[in-house]
Structures are given as C-alpha cells and as structure tokens.
Protein backbone atom coordinates (compact mmCIF):
# COMPACT_ATOMS: atom_id res chain seq x y z
CA UNK A 1 12.57 1.28 -3.34
CA UNK A 2 15.70 -0.44 -6.21
CA UNK A 3 14.01 1.93 -8.86
CA UNK A 4 10.92 0.54 -9.20
CA UNK A 5 10.32 -1.92 -6.52
CA UNK A 6 9.07 -1.88 -3.26
CA UNK A 7 10.66 -5.20 -1.55
CA UNK A 8 10.81 -6.70 2.08
CA UNK A 9 13.61 -7.92 4.08
CA UNK A 10 13.06 -10.53 6.31
CA UNK A 11 15.54 -11.09 9.33
CA UNK A 12 17.17 -14.72 8.74
CA UNK A 13 18.82 -16.80 11.74
CA UNK A 14 22.35 -17.19 9.88
CA UNK A 15 22.07 -12.85 10.06
CA UNK A 16 21.86 -12.58 6.51
CA UNK A 17 18.16 -11.06 5.16
CA UNK A 18 15.14 -12.44 2.31
CA UNK A 19 14.64 -10.37 0.14
CA UNK A 20 11.21 -10.44 -1.33
CA UNK A 21 9.82 -8.28 -3.93
CA UNK A 22 6.36 -7.09 -2.82
CA UNK A 23 5.38 -4.86 -5.57
CA UNK A 24 6.70 -3.70 -8.95
CA UNK A 25 5.74 0.14 -9.99
CA UNK A 26 7.18 0.09 -13.20
CA UNK A 27 9.70 2.87 -14.29
CA UNK A 28 8.77 5.14 -11.04
CA UNK A 29 11.29 7.51 -9.04
CA UNK A 30 11.35 9.44 -5.95
CA UNK A 31 8.44 8.09 -4.52
CA UNK A 32 8.25 7.68 -0.73
CA UNK A 33 7.05 4.60 0.80
CA UNK A 34 4.89 4.43 3.96
CA UNK A 35 4.95 1.65 6.05
CA UNK A 36 2.07 1.49 9.02
CA UNK A 37 0.59 -0.79 11.33
CA UNK A 38 -1.12 -3.85 10.04
CA UNK A 39 0.26 -4.26 7.21
CA UNK A 40 -0.60 -1.49 5.46
CA UNK A 41 2.01 0.56 2.63
CA UNK A 42 1.35 3.34 0.63
CA UNK A 43 3.63 4.48 -2.53
CA UNK A 44 3.37 8.84 -2.68
CA UNK A 45 4.47 10.80 -5.21
CA UNK A 46 7.02 10.12 -7.68
CA UNK A 47 8.13 10.66 -11.19
CA UNK A 48 8.75 9.27 -14.19
CA UNK A 49 12.21 10.23 -14.71
CA UNK A 50 15.07 10.66 -13.19
CA UNK A 51 15.61 14.49 -13.66
CA UNK A 52 11.97 15.22 -12.23
CA UNK A 53 10.52 16.72 -15.51
CA UNK A 54 7.09 16.34 -14.14
CA UNK A 55 5.59 15.00 -11.10
CA UNK A 56 2.78 13.00 -9.58
CA UNK A 57 0.13 13.49 -7.01
CA UNK A 58 -0.50 9.61 -6.87
CA UNK A 59 -1.37 7.97 -3.42
CA UNK A 60 -1.73 4.22 -3.64
CA UNK A 61 -1.81 1.63 -1.13
CA UNK A 62 -0.85 -1.57 -1.74
CA UNK A 63 -2.86 -4.09 -0.15
CA UNK A 64 -2.66 -7.80 0.39
CA UNK A 65 -4.40 -9.65 -1.34
CA UNK A 66 -5.08 -12.41 0.55
CA UNK A 67 -6.23 -15.59 -1.71
CA UNK A 68 -2.42 -14.99 -3.67
CA UNK A 69 -0.53 -13.52 -1.01
CA UNK A 70 0.93 -10.47 -3.27
CA UNK A 71 0.22 -7.03 -3.18
CA UNK A 72 -2.61 -5.02 -5.23
CA UNK A 73 -2.38 -1.28 -6.21
CA UNK A 74 -4.91 0.96 -5.09
CA UNK A 75 -5.35 4.52 -5.67
CA UNK A 76 -6.80 6.75 -3.37
CA UNK A 77 -7.16 10.16 -2.92
CA UNK A 78 -4.75 12.31 -4.76
CA UNK A 79 -2.57 14.72 -3.03
CA UNK A 80 -3.35 18.38 -4.45
CA UNK A 81 -0.22 19.19 -5.78
CA UNK A 82 2.36 16.58 -7.15
CA UNK A 83 5.36 16.23 -5.98
CA UNK A 84 8.40 14.10 -5.85
CA UNK A 85 11.87 14.58 -3.48
CA UNK A 86 10.03 15.48 -0.87
CA UNK A 87 9.83 14.75 2.86
CA UNK A 88 7.11 12.79 4.63
CA UNK A 89 6.28 12.74 8.62
CA UNK A 90 3.77 9.72 9.98
CA UNK A 91 0.93 11.32 12.81
CA UNK A 92 2.40 9.78 16.37
CA UNK A 93 -1.35 7.71 16.45
CA UNK A 94 -0.67 6.62 12.71
CA UNK A 95 -4.24 8.08 11.59
CA UNK A 96 -2.19 10.76 9.04
CA UNK A 97 1.13 11.03 6.45
CA UNK A 98 2.19 14.67 6.03
CA UNK A 99 4.22 15.24 3.07
CA UNK A 100 6.62 18.23 2.80
CA UNK A 101 8.35 19.84 -0.11
CA UNK A 102 9.34 18.78 -3.34
C-alpha cells in the first residue's frame, strides 16, 4: 500500500509489472489489506496518522463495479476493538479473517 492506495500489479511479458490503483483510501496508515478468492478485497483497521494516536475498528470491502470496473467502498461490520499495526491470518477455507495484536 502506498500510504493511501490499494494497488494491484500485473506481470507483463517483458518481466515488468503494470501497476493499477484499485482504490484510494485517503490519508490512512497501518491498515491491513486482505485479498480473498473471488476478487474480494478487504481493508481493516488503521490510523489517520503514522504515530497511531487514534485507531479505527473499520472493516471495508472494496467491491468492483461491473459497469465502471472501479472499486467501491462498502463498510461492513466493524471489529469489536480499534486496531493498527496488527497481524492477520485467513482461515484455510477463506471463510474467516483473524486479527491479532495492534
């Protein structure tokens, strides 16, 4: 993440990568981005500043608009506790995302 963007990189035949900005989340730091099968992308937690003077419990899914091809933010059920700088893991069958620390 480039400080405020969710980006994707597509390999090219010349061994370079094509960079695409999927979504600009604004000035947001230390959040975690999770990519699941079926083109599901989640942005979890974070802080509005690099020092983490406050943290967020937000969870958003970035869904692709079938008409424009652009990602759109959908807020979903927030975490019980606000977090930044945390670890994440995905359940083997991609049915749950686990958050630890922060």
